[in-house]
């Protein structure tokens, strides 16, 4: 018998997301962190639209929107000359924009969210050893009163950063390298008049066209900015040790995305992290207008690394976030990828722990998330090496720019080759709308019998269960067609052991009094036509959406046998 179902090691954004989702899915878990208190520093600050969608699903997004600030675009200068301004403009159907939020605030909001489920972070509690047994994992935990606890858990998930002890215990490799540039970062206030919500990037190039000086300023609120600067070569620190060596847990000095620090200090006024004088010197060289830095909250220095595990899982041990991947801190990709690692894993662990899915469901975590991290690491490394293209790349317009922006927003993440993704039916007449394996987009204007206001599709997806959308045009809104769709819903709910919500969506061209018999409480009407535009459904089609917001399968014509058979790839 185990003491807990899942032990989560590390209480950063990734570990907190995982613990909160496990609890929302009804799974018992403990979450420990070796630090006595959360770190009060900005660290990773970029929040991409897909992560806001994840937090919407979790029921957290309203709190985030109250404290985050929009990131509208970037003002670019090369050798002191203004380049075309980059606008972070997404299609109007995307519900959330790019945003910035200090990591310490992200962690506070997630900690408060987790507490709603009756779970607190245990601090300072350090994982010291792991022993994997056939039926459980034995963990040795060190408590602050010198007490040692032996804990038995069914699974352990390492969200414990670049020096992850869980990763080492799992025998996973963490291959990669360090880039040569050394960076300084600082959290300060600036008194300039640049437009609110826009970051600023200023680069100087040498005679060979290579970057030899750089300043990036990202807004975090009224006059508050996160600054990243090249560290002068005269102050260069020795190369950082590989994350597979040295200490067994991420140092408190870990910079954004958990990249391995070298010679890093977090206190303002430190001799190692830049002080206000050093930051001001960079501003004097590169800022587009005269400005004074003040109110230094935090500073650090680091060397950028990129590494990726060979596997996300070995038996009962898993890794997520910085324990699985580190990358150049460009576009906030690391933190966001880690949060989505946790969101992908939580619902699968929950089904297995509850005996509703076979153990091999957990293999899909690696199958789905490892390629995503591989692409992200490769992309950010390439971007870091091509700094000469800043301000002149495809983000300045055109179809390629839109595609790159959607990728940066992590809205193009998909799992078309996953074992959980149904093959696209050959007799689907249309290729429009999200295919199986792709993100389920939001849409508005859904009207139900029991609400006097229009609803969003995301309102229906804010659940830890699968969701089945049954589209009824004129032929399936009543009579035999409606009965067939109702039979699909019943078969799906049985196959999913009741962990499925079904909605009968009627088109705007269907009379309002047309309704099925059994699904009347779950009937919504696509009054604005946005569901039709976003999904391009066929009359009588069933669309199955997973708890993490990805389309699992599309079935036309929908039959109880086809829908139930597909769900058996997930459920016992």
Protein backbone atom coordinates (compact mmCIF):
# COMPACT_ATOMS: atom_id res chain seq x y z
CA UNK A 1 0.00 0.00 0.00
CA UNK A 2 1.34 3.43 -0.94
CA UNK A 3 1.34 6.62 1.12
CA UNK A 4 0.27 8.74 -1.84
CA UNK A 5 -0.59 8.22 -5.48
CA UNK A 6 1.85 10.76 -6.94
CA UNK A 7 4.81 12.62 -5.45
CA UNK A 8 5.55 15.86 -7.29
CA UNK A 9 9.10 17.11 -6.74
CA UNK A 10 9.53 20.84 -7.30
CA UNK A 11 7.02 23.66 -6.74
CA UNK A 12 7.75 25.93 -9.67
CA UNK A 13 5.06 26.67 -12.26
CA UNK A 14 5.33 23.17 -13.74
CA UNK A 15 5.09 21.23 -10.49
CA UNK A 16 2.28 23.45 -9.21
CA UNK A 17 0.33 23.00 -12.46
CA UNK A 18 0.75 19.23 -12.27
CA UNK A 19 -0.30 19.02 -8.61
CA UNK A 20 -3.34 21.25 -9.16
CA UNK A 21 -4.47 19.22 -12.16
CA UNK A 22 -3.98 15.91 -10.35
CA UNK A 23 -6.14 17.18 -7.52
CA UNK A 24 -8.76 18.51 -9.95
CA UNK A 25 -8.89 15.03 -11.45
CA UNK A 26 -9.41 13.52 -8.00
CA UNK A 27 -5.92 12.08 -7.47
CA UNK A 28 -4.09 12.15 -4.14
CA UNK A 29 -0.66 13.77 -4.39
CA UNK A 30 2.02 15.49 -2.38
CA UNK A 31 4.25 18.28 -3.65
CA UNK A 32 7.59 19.08 -2.04
CA UNK A 33 10.21 21.74 -2.64
CA UNK A 34 13.66 22.01 -1.09
CA UNK A 35 13.55 25.81 -0.75
CA UNK A 36 12.12 27.22 2.50
CA UNK A 37 10.16 29.90 0.63
CA UNK A 38 9.13 30.67 -2.96
CA UNK A 39 11.69 32.81 -4.74
CA UNK A 40 10.48 36.46 -4.99
CA UNK A 41 12.03 37.04 -8.41
CA UNK A 42 10.62 37.64 -11.89
CA UNK A 43 12.73 34.96 -13.67
CA UNK A 44 10.58 33.63 -16.56
CA UNK A 45 7.93 36.19 -17.46
CA UNK A 46 6.55 35.43 -20.94
CA UNK A 47 3.10 33.81 -21.06
CA UNK A 48 1.92 32.59 -24.47
CA UNK A 49 -1.74 32.39 -25.55
CA UNK A 50 -1.90 28.59 -25.37
CA UNK A 51 -0.87 28.61 -21.70
CA UNK A 52 -3.65 31.09 -20.96
CA UNK A 53 -6.03 28.62 -22.63
CA UNK A 54 -4.68 25.88 -20.36
CA UNK A 55 -5.25 28.05 -17.30
CA UNK A 56 -8.76 28.75 -18.60
CA UNK A 57 -9.44 25.01 -18.65
CA UNK A 58 -8.09 24.77 -15.10
CA UNK A 59 -10.34 27.57 -13.85
CA UNK A 60 -7.39 29.89 -13.10
CA UNK A 61 -7.32 32.33 -16.00
CA UNK A 62 -9.40 35.12 -14.43
CA UNK A 63 -6.90 35.49 -11.61
CA UNK A 64 -4.03 35.55 -14.10
CA UNK A 65 -5.70 38.20 -16.28
CA UNK A 66 -6.10 40.43 -13.22
CA UNK A 67 -2.33 40.50 -12.67
CA UNK A 68 -0.69 39.96 -16.07
CA UNK A 69 -0.01 42.72 -18.58
CA UNK A 70 -0.40 42.44 -22.36
CA UNK A 71 2.65 42.07 -24.56
CA UNK A 72 1.58 43.88 -27.73
CA UNK A 73 4.73 43.79 -29.80
CA UNK A 74 8.37 44.78 -30.04
CA UNK A 75 10.15 47.97 -31.03
CA UNK A 76 13.44 47.11 -32.75
CA UNK A 77 16.65 49.08 -33.24
CA UNK A 78 19.78 47.89 -35.05
CA UNK A 79 22.85 50.11 -34.79
CA UNK A 80 20.63 52.84 -33.39
CA UNK A 81 18.26 52.86 -36.37
CA UNK A 82 14.60 51.94 -35.98
CA UNK A 83 13.45 48.86 -37.86
CA UNK A 84 9.86 47.87 -38.65
CA UNK A 85 7.90 47.39 -35.46
CA UNK A 86 6.84 43.82 -34.69
CA UNK A 87 3.16 43.42 -33.78
CA UNK A 88 2.08 40.37 -31.80
CA UNK A 89 -1.35 40.37 -33.43
CA UNK A 90 -3.26 37.09 -33.47
CA UNK A 91 -6.43 36.17 -35.40
CA UNK A 92 -9.58 37.52 -33.70
CA UNK A 93 -10.86 34.03 -32.87
CA UNK A 94 -7.88 33.41 -30.53
CA UNK A 95 -9.25 34.30 -27.09
CA UNK A 96 -6.04 35.39 -25.35
CA UNK A 97 -3.03 37.50 -26.39
CA UNK A 98 0.64 37.29 -25.45
CA UNK A 99 1.20 38.48 -21.90
CA UNK A 100 3.89 38.95 -19.27
CA UNK A 101 3.71 37.87 -15.66
CA UNK A 102 6.62 37.61 -13.21
CA UNK A 103 7.32 33.99 -12.31
CA UNK A 104 6.93 34.73 -8.61
CA UNK A 105 3.36 35.93 -9.29
CA UNK A 106 2.64 32.88 -11.44
CA UNK A 107 3.77 30.63 -8.61
CA UNK A 108 1.68 32.52 -6.05
CA UNK A 109 -1.48 32.23 -8.15
CA UNK A 110 -0.89 28.53 -8.79
CA UNK A 111 -0.16 27.90 -5.11
CA UNK A 112 -3.41 29.61 -4.13
CA UNK A 113 -5.25 27.61 -6.80
CA UNK A 114 -3.76 24.35 -5.49
CA UNK A 115 -4.80 25.24 -1.94
CA UNK A 116 -8.44 25.27 -3.08
CA UNK A 117 -8.10 21.48 -3.39
CA UNK A 118 -6.74 21.16 0.14
CA UNK A 119 -3.12 20.62 -0.88
CA UNK A 120 -0.19 22.72 0.33
CA UNK A 121 3.42 22.78 -0.82
CA UNK A 122 5.66 21.11 1.75
CA UNK A 123 8.77 23.27 2.42
CA UNK A 124 11.67 22.89 2.89
CA UNK A 125 11.53 19.20 2.04
CA UNK A 126 14.27 17.77 -0.16
CA UNK A 127 14.23 14.55 -2.13
CA UNK A 128 17.42 12.67 -1.25
CA UNK A 129 17.02 9.24 -2.80
CA UNK A 130 14.71 7.20 -5.00
CA UNK A 131 14.29 3.42 -5.14
CA UNK A 132 12.00 1.97 -7.80
CA UNK A 133 10.16 -1.22 -6.88
CA UNK A 134 7.78 -3.31 -9.00
CA UNK A 135 4.63 -1.95 -7.36
CA UNK A 136 5.72 1.49 -6.09
CA UNK A 137 8.54 4.01 -5.72
CA UNK A 138 10.27 4.56 -2.38
CA UNK A 139 11.44 8.13 -1.80
CA UNK A 140 13.63 9.44 1.00
CA UNK A 141 12.66 12.97 2.04
CA UNK A 142 14.69 15.24 4.31
CA UNK A 143 12.65 17.57 6.53
CA UNK A 144 13.90 20.79 8.18
CA UNK A 145 13.86 19.29 11.69
CA UNK A 146 16.53 16.75 10.61
CA UNK A 147 13.81 14.13 10.30
CA UNK A 148 14.05 11.66 7.41
CA UNK A 149 10.84 10.32 5.90
CA UNK A 150 10.48 7.24 3.76
CA UNK A 151 7.55 7.75 1.43
CA UNK A 152 5.92 5.21 -0.89
CA UNK A 153 4.23 6.55 -4.02
CA UNK A 154 2.82 4.91 -7.11
CA UNK A 155 4.58 7.47 -9.31
CA UNK A 156 7.09 10.30 -8.94
CA UNK A 157 7.24 13.26 -11.31
CA UNK A 158 10.40 15.34 -11.34
CA UNK A 159 9.64 19.02 -11.87
CA UNK A 160 12.90 19.75 -10.09
CA UNK A 161 14.79 21.71 -12.70
CA UNK A 162 17.93 21.32 -14.74
CA UNK A 163 19.80 19.35 -12.05
CA UNK A 164 16.84 16.99 -11.49
CA UNK A 165 17.50 14.14 -9.08
CA UNK A 166 14.42 12.35 -10.43
CA UNK A 167 15.89 12.45 -13.94
CA UNK A 168 19.14 10.95 -12.67
CA UNK A 169 17.31 8.25 -10.74
CA UNK A 170 15.38 7.40 -13.91
CA UNK A 171 18.63 6.98 -15.84
CA UNK A 172 17.68 9.52 -18.50
CA UNK A 173 20.28 11.28 -20.61
CA UNK A 174 20.22 15.08 -20.90
CA UNK A 175 22.27 15.87 -23.96
CA UNK A 176 22.96 19.34 -25.28
CA UNK A 177 25.44 22.17 -25.03
CA UNK A 178 25.97 25.73 -23.85
CA UNK A 179 25.97 28.72 -26.17
CA UNK A 180 29.00 31.01 -25.86
CA UNK A 181 27.19 34.24 -24.95
CA UNK A 182 27.02 35.37 -21.34
CA UNK A 183 23.99 37.40 -20.28
CA UNK A 184 22.98 39.70 -17.47
CA UNK A 185 19.37 40.27 -16.48
CA UNK A 186 17.75 42.79 -14.19
CA UNK A 187 14.28 43.70 -12.92
CA UNK A 188 14.11 47.51 -12.83
CA UNK A 189 11.93 50.56 -13.40
CA UNK A 190 12.57 52.87 -16.38
CA UNK A 191 11.33 56.45 -16.76
CA UNK A 192 11.13 56.54 -20.54
CA UNK A 193 8.10 57.28 -22.75
CA UNK A 194 8.06 54.19 -24.95
CA UNK A 195 4.55 52.85 -25.69
CA UNK A 196 3.09 50.75 -22.89
CA UNK A 197 2.88 47.02 -23.59
CA UNK A 198 5.75 46.98 -26.11
CA UNK A 199 9.12 45.41 -25.51
CA UNK A 200 12.24 47.02 -26.95
CA UNK A 201 15.19 45.26 -28.55
CA UNK A 202 18.36 47.17 -29.46
CA UNK A 203 21.32 45.48 -31.13
CA UNK A 204 24.70 46.75 -32.31
CA UNK A 205 26.62 44.79 -34.92
CA UNK A 206 30.36 44.67 -35.52
CA UNK A 207 32.11 45.07 -38.89
CA UNK A 208 31.35 41.43 -39.71
CA UNK A 209 27.66 41.84 -39.06
CA UNK A 210 27.84 39.88 -35.79
CA UNK A 211 26.08 41.07 -32.67
CA UNK A 212 28.50 42.61 -30.20
CA UNK A 213 26.05 44.45 -27.93
CA UNK A 214 22.38 43.85 -27.08
CA UNK A 215 19.61 45.10 -24.84
CA UNK A 216 16.09 43.65 -24.51
CA UNK A 217 13.49 45.32 -22.28
CA UNK A 218 10.20 43.48 -21.66
CA UNK A 219 7.31 45.24 -19.88
CA UNK A 220 5.96 43.83 -16.62
CA UNK A 221 3.70 46.72 -15.59
CA UNK A 222 3.79 50.47 -15.12
CA UNK A 223 7.43 51.43 -15.83
CA UNK A 224 8.65 48.01 -14.65
CA UNK A 225 10.82 46.09 -17.13
CA UNK A 226 12.74 42.83 -17.32
CA UNK A 227 16.10 43.62 -18.95
CA UNK A 228 18.42 41.17 -20.70
CA UNK A 229 21.88 42.33 -21.74
CA UNK A 230 25.07 40.82 -23.12
CA UNK A 231 27.66 40.50 -20.41
CA UNK A 232 30.95 42.20 -21.37
CA UNK A 233 33.71 39.73 -22.20
CA UNK A 234 35.95 41.28 -19.61
CA UNK A 235 33.56 39.95 -16.97
CA UNK A 236 33.14 36.52 -18.53
CA UNK A 237 32.63 33.74 -16.04
CA UNK A 238 33.78 30.14 -16.48
CA UNK A 239 31.49 27.83 -18.39
CA UNK A 240 28.65 26.31 -16.41
CA UNK A 241 28.83 22.65 -15.42
CA UNK A 242 26.57 20.30 -17.32
CA UNK A 243 23.25 19.74 -15.55
CA UNK A 244 24.13 16.09 -15.16
CA UNK A 245 27.00 16.93 -12.79
CA UNK A 246 27.43 18.79 -9.56
CA UNK A 247 24.54 19.42 -7.21
CA UNK A 248 21.43 17.25 -7.26
CA UNK A 249 18.85 20.02 -7.33
CA UNK A 250 18.40 23.27 -9.18
CA UNK A 251 20.20 26.09 -7.43
CA UNK A 252 18.14 29.02 -6.22
CA UNK A 253 20.07 31.12 -8.70
CA UNK A 254 18.60 29.41 -11.74
CA UNK A 255 17.82 31.98 -14.40
CA UNK A 256 14.81 32.07 -16.71
CA UNK A 257 13.62 28.61 -17.83
CA UNK A 258 15.91 26.98 -15.29
CA UNK A 259 19.02 27.37 -17.41
CA UNK A 260 22.18 26.47 -15.55
CA UNK A 261 23.65 29.60 -13.98
CA UNK A 262 27.31 30.39 -13.83
CA UNK A 263 28.50 32.82 -11.19
CA UNK A 264 24.93 33.96 -10.52
CA UNK A 265 23.64 36.07 -7.67
CA UNK A 266 20.04 37.14 -7.21
CA UNK A 267 20.32 40.00 -4.75
CA UNK A 268 20.13 43.58 -5.96
CA UNK A 269 23.37 45.43 -5.46
CA UNK A 270 25.29 42.19 -5.88
CA UNK A 271 28.85 42.27 -7.13
CA UNK A 272 28.11 39.36 -9.46
CA UNK A 273 24.69 40.12 -10.87
CA UNK A 274 24.71 43.60 -12.49
CA UNK A 275 24.10 46.55 -10.20
CA UNK A 276 22.22 49.69 -11.21
CA UNK A 277 25.41 51.30 -12.47
CA UNK A 278 26.18 48.44 -14.84
CA UNK A 279 22.59 48.36 -16.07
CA UNK A 280 22.61 52.12 -16.58
CA UNK A 281 25.79 51.86 -18.65
CA UNK A 282 24.04 49.47 -21.06
CA UNK A 283 21.01 51.76 -21.25
CA UNK A 284 23.24 54.73 -22.01
CA UNK A 285 24.74 52.83 -24.94
CA UNK A 286 21.65 51.18 -26.40
CA UNK A 287 18.38 52.74 -25.20
CA UNK A 288 16.55 54.66 -27.95
CA UNK A 289 15.98 57.62 -25.61
CA UNK A 290 17.56 58.92 -22.44
CA UNK A 291 16.27 56.96 -19.46
CA UNK A 292 17.25 56.23 -15.88
CA UNK A 293 17.01 52.82 -14.25
CA UNK A 294 15.85 52.60 -10.65
CA UNK A 295 14.26 50.23 -8.10
CA UNK A 296 16.42 47.22 -8.87
CA UNK A 297 14.49 44.24 -7.48
CA UNK A 298 16.69 41.44 -8.76
CA UNK A 299 19.67 40.79 -11.00
CA UNK A 300 21.47 37.75 -12.31
CA UNK A 301 24.04 36.53 -14.80
CA UNK A 302 23.93 33.30 -16.76
CA UNK A 303 25.11 31.33 -19.76
CA UNK A 304 22.40 29.94 -22.05
CA UNK A 305 22.21 26.17 -22.45
CA UNK A 306 20.08 23.81 -24.48
CA UNK A 307 19.43 20.22 -23.41
CA UNK A 308 16.76 17.57 -23.90
CA UNK A 309 16.10 14.21 -22.25
CA UNK A 310 16.04 11.05 -24.33
CA UNK A 311 12.79 9.93 -22.66
CA UNK A 312 10.08 11.61 -20.59
CA UNK A 313 9.37 8.43 -18.65
CA UNK A 314 11.13 5.41 -17.26
CA UNK A 315 8.63 3.14 -15.52
CA UNK A 316 7.18 4.93 -12.50
CA UNK A 317 9.44 7.98 -12.87
CA UNK A 318 8.58 10.98 -15.07
CA UNK A 319 10.16 14.37 -15.79
CA UNK A 320 8.56 17.62 -16.89
CA UNK A 321 9.61 21.20 -17.53
CA UNK A 322 13.28 22.11 -16.97
CA UNK A 323 14.00 18.58 -15.77
CA UNK A 324 13.20 17.47 -19.34
CA UNK A 325 14.29 20.41 -21.49
CA UNK A 326 16.17 23.69 -21.25
CA UNK A 327 16.55 26.21 -24.04
CA UNK A 328 17.58 29.79 -24.78
CA UNK A 329 15.10 32.10 -23.00
CA UNK A 330 13.53 33.47 -26.18
CA UNK A 331 9.80 34.11 -26.37
CA UNK A 332 9.04 32.51 -23.01
CA UNK A 333 8.95 29.07 -24.60
CA UNK A 334 10.51 27.06 -21.77
CA UNK A 335 8.08 27.81 -18.94
CA UNK A 336 5.08 27.51 -21.24
CA UNK A 337 6.24 24.19 -22.67
CA UNK A 338 6.72 22.89 -19.13
CA UNK A 339 3.23 23.94 -18.03
CA UNK A 340 1.80 22.11 -21.01
CA UNK A 341 3.92 19.03 -20.19
CA UNK A 342 2.17 18.95 -16.83
CA UNK A 343 -1.27 19.51 -18.35
CA UNK A 344 -0.71 16.61 -20.77
CA UNK A 345 0.48 14.20 -18.08
CA UNK A 346 -2.01 14.93 -15.30
CA UNK A 347 -5.19 13.53 -16.86
CA UNK A 348 -3.41 10.40 -18.03
CA UNK A 349 -1.92 9.72 -14.61
CA UNK A 350 -5.36 10.28 -13.09
CA UNK A 351 -7.03 7.66 -15.29
CA UNK A 352 -4.33 5.08 -14.59
CA UNK A 353 -4.29 5.76 -10.84
CA UNK A 354 -8.07 5.37 -10.73
CA UNK A 355 -7.90 2.08 -12.61
CA UNK A 356 -9.78 3.46 -15.63
CA UNK A 357 -6.89 3.17 -18.11
CA UNK A 358 -4.08 0.73 -18.73
CA UNK A 359 -0.50 1.53 -17.77
CA UNK A 360 0.53 1.97 -21.41
CA UNK A 361 -1.55 5.15 -21.60
CA UNK A 362 1.36 6.80 -19.78
CA UNK A 363 3.69 6.02 -22.70
CA UNK A 364 1.77 8.55 -24.77
CA UNK A 365 3.20 11.32 -22.56
CA UNK A 366 6.65 10.83 -24.11
CA UNK A 367 5.21 10.13 -27.56
CA UNK A 368 3.34 13.44 -27.57
CA UNK A 369 5.54 15.84 -25.59
CA UNK A 370 9.09 14.86 -26.58
CA UNK A 371 8.66 15.98 -30.24
CA UNK A 372 7.14 19.26 -29.04
CA UNK A 373 10.16 19.96 -26.81
CA UNK A 374 12.57 18.90 -29.57
CA UNK A 375 11.04 21.40 -31.99
CA UNK A 376 10.98 24.14 -29.36
CA UNK A 377 14.61 23.65 -28.35
CA UNK A 378 15.77 23.56 -31.98
CA UNK A 379 13.77 26.68 -32.83
CA UNK A 380 15.01 28.77 -29.91
CA UNK A 381 18.62 27.70 -30.48
CA UNK A 382 18.38 28.68 -34.14
CA UNK A 383 16.86 32.02 -33.17
CA UNK A 384 19.63 32.65 -30.66
CA UNK A 385 22.26 31.97 -33.34
CA UNK A 386 20.62 34.18 -35.97
CA UNK A 387 20.55 37.44 -34.06
CA UNK A 388 21.52 39.40 -37.19
CA UNK A 389 18.01 38.80 -38.54
CA UNK A 390 16.36 40.65 -35.67
CA UNK A 391 13.84 43.17 -37.02
CA UNK A 392 14.14 41.99 -40.61
CA UNK A 393 12.59 38.54 -40.37
CA UNK A 394 9.19 37.23 -41.42
CA UNK A 395 7.45 38.43 -38.25
CA UNK A 396 7.04 41.74 -40.03
CA UNK A 397 4.27 40.62 -42.34
CA UNK A 398 2.81 37.99 -44.64
CA UNK A 399 1.53 34.45 -44.30
CA UNK A 400 4.86 33.16 -43.03
CA UNK A 401 4.80 35.80 -40.30
CA UNK A 402 1.35 34.67 -39.14
CA UNK A 403 2.49 31.05 -39.07
CA UNK A 404 5.59 31.91 -37.04
CA UNK A 405 3.52 33.94 -34.60
CA UNK A 406 1.04 31.10 -34.12
CA UNK A 407 3.96 28.76 -33.48
CA UNK A 408 5.45 31.21 -30.96
CA UNK A 409 2.01 31.33 -29.31
CA UNK A 410 2.18 27.49 -29.13
CA UNK A 411 -1.18 27.30 -30.89
CA UNK A 412 0.23 24.93 -33.53
CA UNK A 413 1.23 22.20 -31.08
CA UNK A 414 -0.48 19.00 -32.23
CA UNK A 415 -0.34 15.24 -31.79
CA UNK A 416 -1.41 13.82 -35.17
CA UNK A 417 0.75 10.68 -34.77
CA UNK A 418 -0.25 9.93 -31.18
CA UNK A 419 -1.66 6.47 -30.37
CA UNK A 420 -4.63 8.36 -28.89
CA UNK A 421 -5.46 10.17 -32.13
CA UNK A 422 -8.06 8.64 -34.42
CA UNK A 423 -7.15 8.41 -38.08
CA UNK A 424 -9.05 10.98 -40.09
CA UNK A 425 -12.09 9.32 -41.56
CA UNK A 426 -11.72 8.77 -45.28
CA UNK A 427 -15.31 9.79 -45.92
CA UNK A 428 -15.07 13.22 -44.27
CA UNK A 429 -16.10 15.53 -47.07
CA UNK A 430 -14.22 18.53 -45.70
CA UNK A 431 -10.63 19.00 -44.54
CA UNK A 432 -11.54 22.29 -42.87
CA UNK A 433 -11.60 22.70 -39.12
CA UNK A 434 -9.20 21.13 -36.62
CA UNK A 435 -8.15 17.61 -37.55
CA UNK A 436 -7.73 14.85 -35.00
CA UNK A 437 -4.67 15.57 -32.86
CA UNK A 438 -4.94 19.34 -33.20
CA UNK A 439 -5.88 21.98 -30.64
CA UNK A 440 -9.61 22.48 -30.15
CA UNK A 441 -10.20 26.20 -30.87
CA UNK A 442 -12.62 28.34 -28.92
CA UNK A 443 -15.77 29.89 -30.39
CA UNK A 444 -18.49 32.15 -29.05
CA UNK A 445 -22.20 32.63 -29.48
CA UNK A 446 -23.43 29.25 -28.21
CA UNK A 447 -26.93 29.60 -26.77
CA UNK A 448 -28.43 27.07 -24.36
CA UNK A 449 -31.94 26.61 -23.01
CA UNK A 450 -30.90 27.39 -19.43
CA UNK A 451 -28.77 30.51 -19.90
CA UNK A 452 -29.90 33.94 -21.04
CA UNK A 453 -26.42 34.80 -22.29
CA UNK A 454 -24.24 33.33 -25.05
CA UNK A 455 -21.54 30.90 -23.99
CA UNK A 456 -18.08 30.01 -25.27
CA UNK A 457 -17.04 26.54 -26.30
CA UNK A 458 -14.28 26.80 -23.68
CA UNK A 459 -17.05 27.05 -21.07
CA UNK A 460 -18.04 23.52 -22.06
CA UNK A 461 -14.43 22.30 -22.03
CA UNK A 462 -13.67 23.59 -18.52
CA UNK A 463 -13.89 20.07 -17.12
CA UNK A 464 -11.51 17.20 -16.25
CA UNK A 465 -13.59 14.92 -18.48
CA UNK A 466 -13.65 14.14 -22.19
CA UNK A 467 -16.21 16.15 -24.16
CA UNK A 468 -18.21 14.81 -27.11
CA UNK A 469 -19.72 17.38 -29.47
CA UNK A 470 -22.54 16.01 -31.65
CA UNK A 471 -23.42 18.33 -34.50
CA UNK A 472 -27.00 18.26 -35.72
CA UNK A 473 -27.96 20.01 -38.91
CA UNK A 474 -31.45 19.68 -40.42
CA UNK A 475 -31.21 15.88 -40.87
CA UNK A 476 -30.09 15.06 -37.32
CA UNK A 477 -31.92 17.63 -35.21
CA UNK A 478 -34.92 15.40 -34.63
CA UNK A 479 -36.31 11.96 -35.40
CA UNK A 480 -34.04 9.05 -36.34
CA UNK A 481 -31.00 11.30 -36.87
CA UNK A 482 -31.24 12.66 -33.34
CA UNK A 483 -31.73 9.17 -31.93
CA UNK A 484 -28.52 8.05 -33.66
CA UNK A 485 -26.55 10.88 -32.06
CA UNK A 486 -28.08 10.17 -28.67
CA UNK A 487 -27.02 6.55 -29.02
CA UNK A 488 -23.46 7.77 -29.76
CA UNK A 489 -23.49 9.85 -26.56
CA UNK A 490 -24.72 6.93 -24.46
CA UNK A 491 -22.13 4.55 -25.91
CA UNK A 492 -19.36 7.10 -25.38
CA UNK A 493 -20.33 7.70 -21.76
CA UNK A 494 -20.30 3.97 -21.07
CA UNK A 495 -16.90 3.52 -22.75
CA UNK A 496 -15.49 6.44 -20.72
CA UNK A 497 -16.92 5.10 -17.44
CA UNK A 498 -19.07 8.19 -17.17
CA UNK A 499 -16.09 10.57 -17.44
CA UNK A 500 -17.49 12.25 -20.55
CA UNK A 501 -19.83 15.18 -21.16
CA UNK A 502 -21.91 15.15 -24.35
CA UNK A 503 -23.37 18.22 -26.06
CA UNK A 504 -25.90 18.24 -28.88
CA UNK A 505 -25.00 21.30 -31.02
CA UNK A 506 -27.60 22.43 -33.49
CA UNK A 507 -26.88 24.67 -36.42
CA UNK A 508 -28.34 28.14 -36.76
CA UNK A 509 -30.49 26.85 -39.65
CA UNK A 510 -32.28 24.33 -37.41
CA UNK A 511 -35.67 25.32 -35.91
CA UNK A 512 -35.29 26.14 -32.22
CA UNK A 513 -37.99 23.67 -31.19
CA UNK A 514 -36.09 20.77 -32.77
CA UNK A 515 -34.37 18.88 -30.00
CA UNK A 516 -33.35 15.32 -29.13
CA UNK A 517 -35.02 13.47 -26.27
CA UNK A 518 -32.27 12.29 -23.94
CA UNK A 519 -29.79 15.14 -24.37
CA UNK A 520 -32.12 18.08 -23.85
CA UNK A 521 -30.17 19.49 -20.82
CA UNK A 522 -26.97 19.43 -22.89
CA UNK A 523 -28.31 21.10 -26.01
CA UNK A 524 -26.64 24.25 -27.34
CA UNK A 525 -27.36 26.21 -30.47
CA UNK A 526 -24.66 27.65 -32.72
CA UNK A 527 -26.58 30.91 -32.99
CA UNK A 528 -23.62 33.03 -34.17
CA UNK A 529 -22.29 30.42 -36.59
CA UNK A 530 -18.83 30.55 -34.98
CA UNK A 531 -18.77 26.82 -34.21
CA UNK A 532 -19.57 26.13 -37.88
CA UNK A 533 -16.78 28.49 -38.98
CA UNK A 534 -14.20 27.12 -36.56
CA UNK A 535 -14.90 23.39 -36.88
CA UNK A 536 -16.61 23.02 -40.27
CA UNK A 537 -18.76 20.18 -38.91
CA UNK A 538 -20.91 17.93 -41.09
CA UNK A 539 -24.46 17.10 -40.21
CA UNK A 540 -24.34 14.06 -37.95
CA UNK A 541 -20.64 14.36 -37.08
CA UNK A 542 -19.18 13.63 -33.64
CA UNK A 543 -16.08 15.49 -32.42
CA UNK A 544 -14.29 14.08 -29.36
CA UNK A 545 -12.10 16.44 -27.30
CA UNK A 546 -9.62 15.29 -24.65
CA UNK A 547 -9.35 16.82 -21.16
CA UNK A 548 -6.27 18.78 -22.26
CA UNK A 549 -8.15 20.49 -25.09
CA UNK A 550 -7.01 18.52 -28.14
CA UNK A 551 -9.28 16.86 -30.69
CA UNK A 552 -9.03 13.11 -30.17
CA UNK A 553 -11.16 12.10 -33.14
CA UNK A 554 -13.79 13.21 -35.66
CA UNK A 555 -16.40 10.68 -36.76
CA UNK A 556 -18.75 11.06 -39.73
CA UNK A 557 -21.10 9.45 -39.91
CA UNK A 558 -21.06 9.12 -36.14
CA UNK A 559 -22.00 5.66 -34.95
CA UNK A 560 -21.98 4.32 -31.37
CA UNK A 561 -19.57 1.56 -32.36
CA UNK A 562 -16.94 3.85 -33.90
CA UNK A 563 -16.95 6.35 -31.05
CA UNK A 564 -16.84 3.67 -28.34
CA UNK A 565 -14.10 1.73 -30.12
CA UNK A 566 -11.91 4.83 -30.28
CA UNK A 567 -12.41 5.61 -26.59
CA UNK A 568 -11.16 2.12 -25.74
CA UNK A 569 -7.70 3.27 -26.85
CA UNK A 570 -7.77 5.42 -23.70
CA UNK A 571 -10.10 3.68 -21.24
CA UNK A 572 -10.13 0.08 -20.05
